[in-house]
């Protein structure tokens, strides 16, 4: 059997949630059945795909093109051309890890993954250009209707596909994503890594110190890690932190670190930061390299992620897997992913966010409780399991 996979998401250079999904899923997917041949479609103008190790697998073949993607997208929407399965010399099934328009020959079956419908649920959190791209240029509803099978990364996303797009629930398969950050480190099972530094491997200690120095991090801090955009509710974090500082509810040495690249409509975030009387305790450190993220989590005291909407939500799970207690939202997919292993808040209630930030920062027993529950919960998610379930959907379509 031949399976085609669309890798155009990796052309953007920004490794957000969807790219993380691809990079976590594919290496495990290729291992399951070596008799299945995977043909990878990648297109980017004047740019090549990085030399990932899994590209060398014997059952993997890369087809790389250098056309402008805007031209491909426009032609796909207007003329249903070019047929992507033709470009990669024919496949039985074509898998789209995102809802990019993907014209195919009639005999080629298709599977598409939907991560969320936030652009429908919360269009106010996106720029006009983003809304046009999501709603019109890519025609996600059309992609969902045309697909033989649809993968949703959460029950929340499945419900949105049914209720907002009218997709038959029988063709939607919920497959949770995996995480892998914790498995690469020798990490103590519980408690604050600063208190148990003697139990780390020497290499891990060296990396912790390197990342701390690199980003000039304080000793004790709340952490947010993600794209700086309205949907992530960073304004709420800043206001809650400022409230705690102004009322003396967290100690003088308590800081807030905001990590991640700037997304769209981030001006309000900077305005709130500029107006805070406690700016010296707030640190914007910008994008963090993939190899440094685990150590950044480990250095933090509390991970705060009160997002307004998530299709899945990698960062809370990553933090929990590394023994960092988590505060997140009780909306969209986050309750089904985090479960009772994190402190859940109403993202629109700033006092509730502030109260739980204070509690988890100061109460060591509460921290220990959520550290233990978080690590147990995170073990339920793996890319191996996700890949096995995904392959069942892909091969079922033949």
Protein backbone atom coordinates (compact mmCIF):
# COMPACT_ATOMS: atom_id res chain seq x y z
CA UNK A 1 0.00 0.00 0.00
CA UNK A 2 1.19 3.53 -0.80
CA UNK A 3 0.26 6.47 1.43
CA UNK A 4 0.90 10.09 0.49
CA UNK A 5 1.45 12.72 3.18
CA UNK A 6 1.30 16.51 2.76
CA UNK A 7 4.25 18.22 4.48
CA UNK A 8 3.59 21.79 3.34
CA UNK A 9 2.98 22.94 6.92
CA UNK A 10 6.72 22.52 7.48
CA UNK A 11 7.45 25.13 4.81
CA UNK A 12 6.49 28.02 7.08
CA UNK A 13 9.55 27.86 9.31
CA UNK A 14 7.42 28.36 12.44
CA UNK A 15 7.02 25.17 14.46
CA UNK A 16 3.62 25.60 16.07
CA UNK A 17 1.17 22.94 17.11
CA UNK A 18 0.48 21.50 13.66
CA UNK A 19 4.15 21.20 12.78
CA UNK A 20 4.70 19.61 16.19
CA UNK A 21 1.95 17.13 15.34
CA UNK A 22 3.68 16.16 12.09
CA UNK A 23 7.15 15.91 13.60
CA UNK A 24 5.90 13.80 16.50
CA UNK A 25 3.59 11.52 14.52
CA UNK A 26 5.54 10.65 11.36
CA UNK A 27 8.65 8.96 12.85
CA UNK A 28 6.37 6.59 14.78
CA UNK A 29 4.03 6.08 11.83
CA UNK A 30 6.84 4.95 9.51
CA UNK A 31 8.01 2.28 12.00
CA UNK A 32 4.76 0.36 12.30
CA UNK A 33 4.64 -1.48 8.99
CA UNK A 34 7.73 -1.36 6.79
CA UNK A 35 5.78 -2.88 3.89
CA UNK A 36 3.76 0.33 3.57
CA UNK A 37 5.42 2.92 1.35
CA UNK A 38 5.06 6.55 2.38
CA UNK A 39 5.38 9.23 -0.31
CA UNK A 40 5.89 12.70 1.13
CA UNK A 41 4.78 15.82 -0.72
CA UNK A 42 6.69 18.99 0.13
CA UNK A 43 6.53 22.29 -1.70
CA UNK A 44 8.18 25.60 -0.84
CA UNK A 45 9.56 28.37 -3.03
CA UNK A 46 13.36 28.52 -2.78
CA UNK A 47 13.37 26.36 0.33
CA UNK A 48 14.12 22.70 1.01
CA UNK A 49 12.84 20.44 3.75
CA UNK A 50 15.29 20.03 6.65
CA UNK A 51 17.19 16.75 6.64
CA UNK A 52 15.11 14.88 9.22
CA UNK A 53 16.40 11.44 10.18
CA UNK A 54 13.11 9.73 9.27
CA UNK A 55 13.54 10.83 5.66
CA UNK A 56 16.19 8.10 5.43
CA UNK A 57 13.75 5.31 6.35
CA UNK A 58 13.64 2.67 3.62
CA UNK A 59 9.87 2.94 3.20
CA UNK A 60 9.89 6.75 2.87
CA UNK A 61 10.25 8.70 -0.37
CA UNK A 62 10.33 12.49 -0.53
CA UNK A 63 8.92 14.41 -3.50
CA UNK A 64 10.15 17.98 -3.19
CA UNK A 65 8.95 20.88 -5.35
CA UNK A 66 9.79 24.57 -5.38
CA UNK A 67 6.69 26.27 -6.74
CA UNK A 68 5.26 29.28 -4.88
CA UNK A 69 2.74 27.79 -2.46
CA UNK A 70 0.35 30.67 -3.05
CA UNK A 71 0.21 29.64 -6.70
CA UNK A 72 -0.51 26.02 -5.72
CA UNK A 73 -3.20 27.08 -3.26
CA UNK A 74 -4.91 29.41 -5.75
CA UNK A 75 -4.87 26.82 -8.51
CA UNK A 76 -6.17 24.17 -6.10
CA UNK A 77 -9.15 26.27 -5.04
CA UNK A 78 -10.06 27.68 -8.47
CA UNK A 79 -9.25 24.78 -10.77
CA UNK A 80 -8.91 21.74 -8.47
CA UNK A 81 -5.44 21.30 -9.94
CA UNK A 82 -2.69 20.06 -9.76
CA UNK A 83 -3.61 16.60 -8.50
CA UNK A 84 -1.18 16.06 -5.66
CA UNK A 85 -1.29 12.28 -5.88
CA UNK A 86 -0.16 12.59 -9.49
CA UNK A 87 2.79 14.73 -8.47
CA UNK A 88 4.01 11.98 -6.15
CA UNK A 89 3.42 9.23 -8.76
CA UNK A 90 0.22 7.80 -7.35
CA UNK A 91 -0.91 6.63 -3.93
CA UNK A 92 -3.85 4.69 -2.50
CA UNK A 93 -4.53 7.21 0.26
CA UNK A 94 -3.48 10.83 0.70
CA UNK A 95 -3.12 12.09 4.29
CA UNK A 96 -3.37 15.83 5.02
CA UNK A 97 -2.20 16.66 8.59
CA UNK A 98 -3.89 20.05 8.11
CA UNK A 99 -6.81 21.19 5.97
CA UNK A 100 -4.71 22.59 3.13
CA UNK A 101 -6.56 22.31 -0.20
CA UNK A 102 -5.36 19.05 -1.78
CA UNK A 103 -6.83 18.15 -5.20
CA UNK A 104 -6.73 14.40 -5.85
CA UNK A 105 -7.71 11.99 -8.60
CA UNK A 106 -11.11 10.29 -8.05
CA UNK A 107 -9.59 6.91 -7.22
CA UNK A 108 -7.37 8.31 -4.45
CA UNK A 109 -8.90 8.18 -0.98
CA UNK A 110 -8.27 11.03 1.46
CA UNK A 111 -7.86 11.55 5.19
CA UNK A 112 -7.52 15.00 6.75
CA UNK A 113 -6.74 16.03 10.33
CA UNK A 114 -8.53 18.96 11.96
CA UNK A 115 -6.84 20.46 15.00
CA UNK A 116 -9.50 23.03 15.85
CA UNK A 117 -12.11 25.39 14.43
CA UNK A 118 -11.01 28.38 16.48
CA UNK A 119 -11.24 30.59 13.41
CA UNK A 120 -15.00 29.90 13.41
CA UNK A 121 -15.57 29.90 17.16
CA UNK A 122 -13.46 32.99 17.84
CA UNK A 123 -12.91 34.94 14.64
CA UNK A 124 -12.25 38.04 16.77
CA UNK A 125 -8.91 36.55 17.82
CA UNK A 126 -7.62 36.53 14.24
CA UNK A 127 -6.56 39.23 11.85
CA UNK A 128 -8.64 39.95 8.76
CA UNK A 129 -5.99 38.29 6.62
CA UNK A 130 -6.00 35.19 8.82
CA UNK A 131 -9.79 34.95 8.70
CA UNK A 132 -9.81 35.20 4.90
CA UNK A 133 -7.14 32.51 4.64
CA UNK A 134 -8.89 30.14 7.05
CA UNK A 135 -12.46 30.59 5.89
CA UNK A 136 -12.17 31.26 2.16
CA UNK A 137 -8.78 30.43 0.66
CA UNK A 138 -8.45 26.99 2.25
CA UNK A 139 -12.20 26.19 2.32
CA UNK A 140 -11.90 23.92 5.41
CA UNK A 141 -15.55 22.89 5.33
CA UNK A 142 -15.09 21.70 1.74
CA UNK A 143 -11.98 19.74 2.74
CA UNK A 144 -13.86 18.06 5.58
CA UNK A 145 -16.84 17.16 3.39
CA UNK A 146 -14.67 15.78 0.57
CA UNK A 147 -12.45 13.66 2.83
CA UNK A 148 -13.22 9.97 3.16
CA UNK A 149 -12.16 10.06 6.79
CA UNK A 150 -11.51 12.93 9.20
CA UNK A 151 -9.21 12.80 12.22
CA UNK A 152 -10.01 15.17 15.09
CA UNK A 153 -7.40 15.67 17.81
CA UNK A 154 -10.07 15.98 20.53
CA UNK A 155 -13.75 15.35 21.19
CA UNK A 156 -14.13 19.12 21.35
CA UNK A 157 -12.90 19.45 17.76
CA UNK A 158 -15.10 16.55 16.65
CA UNK A 159 -18.16 18.24 18.14
CA UNK A 160 -17.31 21.45 16.31
CA UNK A 161 -16.93 19.60 13.00
CA UNK A 162 -20.37 18.07 13.51
CA UNK A 163 -22.14 21.17 14.80
CA UNK A 164 -20.47 23.88 12.68
CA UNK A 165 -19.71 22.02 9.44
CA UNK A 166 -22.40 19.34 9.54
CA UNK A 167 -19.89 16.51 9.11
CA UNK A 168 -21.19 12.98 9.64
CA UNK A 169 -19.84 11.92 13.06
CA UNK A 170 -19.37 8.38 11.77
CA UNK A 171 -16.48 9.44 9.55
CA UNK A 172 -14.71 11.40 12.29
CA UNK A 173 -12.10 9.57 14.39
CA UNK A 174 -10.81 11.20 17.57
CA UNK A 175 -7.09 10.49 17.96
CA UNK A 176 -5.22 12.33 20.69
CA UNK A 177 -1.78 13.66 19.90
CA UNK A 178 1.27 12.56 21.85
CA UNK A 179 4.08 14.27 23.69
CA UNK A 180 7.72 13.35 23.95
CA UNK A 181 9.53 16.12 25.85
CA UNK A 182 9.82 14.29 29.18
CA UNK A 183 11.20 11.09 27.75
CA UNK A 184 14.46 12.65 26.63
CA UNK A 185 15.64 13.78 30.06
CA UNK A 186 16.68 12.14 33.29
CA UNK A 187 14.27 14.00 35.55
CA UNK A 188 13.30 13.51 39.19
CA UNK A 189 9.76 12.14 39.49
CA UNK A 190 8.39 14.95 41.64
CA UNK A 191 8.97 18.37 43.15
CA UNK A 192 10.74 21.52 42.09
CA UNK A 193 13.91 20.75 40.07
CA UNK A 194 15.84 23.51 41.88
CA UNK A 195 15.33 21.68 45.17
CA UNK A 196 16.42 18.34 43.74
CA UNK A 197 19.17 19.46 41.41
CA UNK A 198 21.58 16.97 42.95
CA UNK A 199 19.40 14.15 41.52
CA UNK A 200 19.69 15.33 37.92
CA UNK A 201 22.21 13.87 35.53
CA UNK A 202 25.25 16.10 35.10
CA UNK A 203 24.26 16.80 31.49
CA UNK A 204 20.80 17.93 32.53
CA UNK A 205 22.22 20.27 35.19
CA UNK A 206 24.54 21.77 32.59
CA UNK A 207 21.64 22.41 30.21
CA UNK A 208 19.49 23.91 32.95
CA UNK A 209 22.25 26.37 33.81
CA UNK A 210 22.86 27.11 30.13
CA UNK A 211 19.21 27.93 29.43
CA UNK A 212 18.90 29.96 32.63
CA UNK A 213 21.90 32.07 31.65
CA UNK A 214 20.92 32.30 27.99
CA UNK A 215 17.55 33.89 28.78
CA UNK A 216 18.66 35.65 31.99
CA UNK A 217 15.92 33.89 33.94
CA UNK A 218 15.02 34.68 37.57
CA UNK A 219 15.04 32.05 40.31
CA UNK A 220 11.26 31.76 40.80
CA UNK A 221 8.78 32.42 38.03
CA UNK A 222 5.44 31.70 36.47
CA UNK A 223 5.84 30.58 32.86
CA UNK A 224 3.73 30.99 29.76
CA UNK A 225 5.04 29.34 26.60
CA UNK A 226 3.22 29.72 23.30
CA UNK A 227 2.52 32.08 20.43
CA UNK A 228 1.80 35.65 21.50
CA UNK A 229 -1.75 36.11 20.21
CA UNK A 230 -5.14 37.04 21.71
CA UNK A 231 -6.48 33.46 21.84
CA UNK A 232 -3.82 32.50 24.39
CA UNK A 233 -5.12 35.05 26.94
CA UNK A 234 -1.71 36.49 27.74
CA UNK A 235 -3.42 39.78 28.62
CA UNK A 236 -5.28 37.88 31.34
CA UNK A 237 -2.01 36.46 32.69
CA UNK A 238 -0.39 39.90 32.77
CA UNK A 239 -3.36 41.49 34.54
CA UNK A 240 -3.59 38.65 37.07
CA UNK A 241 0.13 38.86 37.80
CA UNK A 242 -0.01 42.66 38.17
CA UNK A 243 -2.96 42.30 40.56
CA UNK A 244 -1.01 39.82 42.73
CA UNK A 245 2.06 42.03 42.80
CA UNK A 246 0.09 45.19 43.53
CA UNK A 247 -1.65 43.53 46.46
CA UNK A 248 1.47 41.89 47.86
CA UNK A 249 0.06 38.38 47.44
CA UNK A 250 3.22 36.86 45.97
CA UNK A 251 6.73 37.46 47.29
CA UNK A 252 9.18 40.01 45.98
CA UNK A 253 11.21 37.36 44.19
CA UNK A 254 8.20 36.10 42.18
CA UNK A 255 8.48 36.82 38.44
CA UNK A 256 6.57 36.14 35.23
CA UNK A 257 8.26 34.84 32.08
CA UNK A 258 6.44 35.05 28.73
CA UNK A 259 8.12 32.87 26.09
CA UNK A 260 7.20 32.48 22.43
CA UNK A 261 7.19 34.21 19.09
CA UNK A 262 4.88 37.09 18.22
CA UNK A 263 1.75 36.02 16.41
CA UNK A 264 -1.02 38.27 15.13
CA UNK A 265 -2.85 41.04 17.02
CA UNK A 266 -0.30 41.09 19.84
CA UNK A 267 -0.34 44.90 20.30
CA UNK A 268 -2.73 44.72 23.28
CA UNK A 269 -0.32 42.38 25.03
CA UNK A 270 2.48 44.93 24.77
CA UNK A 271 0.18 47.76 25.88
CA UNK A 272 -0.79 45.91 29.06
CA UNK A 273 2.86 45.14 29.72
CA UNK A 274 3.86 48.79 29.23
CA UNK A 275 1.14 49.96 31.62
CA UNK A 276 2.07 47.54 34.40
CA UNK A 277 3.77 49.12 37.44
CA UNK A 278 5.64 45.84 37.88
CA UNK A 279 7.34 45.63 34.50
CA UNK A 280 10.68 44.79 36.08
CA UNK A 281 9.24 41.44 37.18
CA UNK A 282 7.87 40.57 33.71
CA UNK A 283 10.23 39.06 31.14
CA UNK A 284 9.47 38.58 27.45
CA UNK A 285 12.20 36.24 26.22
CA UNK A 286 10.96 35.66 22.66
CA UNK A 287 11.09 32.37 20.75
CA UNK A 288 12.72 29.41 22.47
CA UNK A 289 14.68 26.79 20.54
CA UNK A 290 13.13 23.34 20.56
CA UNK A 291 16.09 21.78 22.38
CA UNK A 292 15.74 24.38 25.16
CA UNK A 293 12.00 24.10 25.85
CA UNK A 294 12.16 21.17 28.27
CA UNK A 295 14.73 22.96 30.40
CA UNK A 296 12.69 26.17 30.40
CA UNK A 297 9.71 24.23 31.73
CA UNK A 298 11.89 22.62 34.39
CA UNK A 299 13.20 25.97 35.60
CA UNK A 300 9.70 27.37 36.11
CA UNK A 301 7.68 27.10 39.30
CA UNK A 302 4.16 27.18 37.78
CA UNK A 303 2.99 26.90 34.18
CA UNK A 304 0.08 29.22 33.35
CA UNK A 305 -2.01 28.59 30.23
CA UNK A 306 -5.54 30.07 30.56
CA UNK A 307 -6.24 29.96 26.82
CA UNK A 308 -9.69 30.93 25.51
CA UNK A 309 -9.71 28.05 23.04
CA UNK A 310 -7.56 25.04 22.14
CA UNK A 311 -8.08 22.13 19.78
CA UNK A 312 -5.68 20.04 21.87
CA UNK A 313 -3.09 22.00 23.84
CA UNK A 314 0.49 20.68 23.81
CA UNK A 315 2.12 23.05 26.35
CA UNK A 316 0.11 22.01 29.45
CA UNK A 317 0.83 18.33 28.78
CA UNK A 318 4.51 19.01 28.15
CA UNK A 319 4.77 20.93 31.42
CA UNK A 320 2.98 18.16 33.35
CA UNK A 321 5.22 15.49 31.87
CA UNK A 322 8.23 17.35 33.24
CA UNK A 323 6.87 17.73 36.75
CA UNK A 324 5.65 21.33 36.53
CA UNK A 325 2.22 22.10 38.05
CA UNK A 326 -0.25 23.59 35.58
CA UNK A 327 -3.04 26.17 35.58
CA UNK A 328 -5.23 26.04 32.49
CA UNK A 329 -8.74 26.75 31.24
CA UNK A 330 -11.90 24.73 31.73
CA UNK A 331 -13.01 25.37 28.14
CA UNK A 332 -12.81 23.66 24.71
CA UNK A 333 -10.48 20.63 24.66
CA UNK A 334 -8.40 21.45 27.72
CA UNK A 335 -10.57 19.65 30.33
CA UNK A 336 -10.52 16.40 28.32
CA UNK A 337 -6.76 16.59 27.78
CA UNK A 338 -5.58 17.85 31.17
CA UNK A 339 -8.39 16.20 33.15
CA UNK A 340 -8.15 16.71 36.91
CA UNK A 341 -4.35 16.85 36.76
CA UNK A 342 -4.24 20.66 36.56
CA UNK A 343 -5.93 23.59 38.25
CA UNK A 344 -8.77 24.66 35.97
CA UNK A 345 -9.93 28.28 35.74
CA UNK A 346 -12.47 30.38 33.88
CA UNK A 347 -10.26 32.26 31.36
CA UNK A 348 -12.58 35.29 31.56
CA UNK A 349 -12.33 35.53 35.37
CA UNK A 350 -9.13 37.40 36.22
CA UNK A 351 -9.58 37.07 39.98
CA UNK A 352 -9.91 33.31 39.65
CA UNK A 353 -6.75 33.14 37.53
CA UNK A 354 -4.88 35.30 40.05
CA UNK A 355 -6.12 33.26 43.03
CA UNK A 356 -5.00 29.96 41.55
CA UNK A 357 -1.65 31.44 40.47
CA UNK A 358 -1.07 32.54 44.06
CA UNK A 359 -2.16 29.19 45.51
CA UNK A 360 0.03 27.08 43.26
CA UNK A 361 3.03 29.39 43.64
CA UNK A 362 2.94 29.44 47.46
CA UNK A 363 1.43 26.13 48.62
CA UNK A 364 4.05 23.38 48.38
CA UNK A 365 1.59 20.61 49.29
CA UNK A 366 -0.75 21.73 46.52
CA UNK A 367 2.17 21.87 44.11
CA UNK A 368 3.26 18.34 45.03
CA UNK A 369 -0.29 17.09 44.54
CA UNK A 370 -0.60 18.50 41.00
CA UNK A 371 2.95 17.57 40.05
CA UNK A 372 2.21 13.91 40.81
CA UNK A 373 -1.19 13.93 39.10
CA UNK A 374 0.20 15.77 36.09
CA UNK A 375 3.00 13.30 35.48
CA UNK A 376 0.60 10.37 35.69
CA UNK A 377 -1.80 12.05 33.28
CA UNK A 378 0.90 12.91 30.75
CA UNK A 379 1.91 9.25 30.48
CA UNK A 380 -1.45 8.50 28.86
CA UNK A 381 -0.40 10.40 25.72
CA UNK A 382 2.23 9.02 23.34
CA UNK A 383 3.10 9.44 19.69
CA UNK A 384 3.39 5.67 19.32
CA UNK A 385 -0.24 5.22 20.35
CA UNK A 386 -1.32 8.14 18.17
CA UNK A 387 0.54 6.69 15.16
CA UNK A 388 -1.00 3.24 15.61
CA UNK A 389 -4.51 4.68 15.70
CA UNK A 390 -3.78 6.96 12.75
CA UNK A 391 -2.52 4.09 10.60
CA UNK A 392 -5.71 2.15 11.30
CA UNK A 393 -7.70 5.06 9.84
CA UNK A 394 -5.39 5.40 6.83
CA UNK A 395 -5.42 1.73 5.95
CA UNK A 396 -9.14 1.34 6.60
CA UNK A 397 -9.87 3.64 3.66
CA UNK A 398 -8.39 1.28 1.05
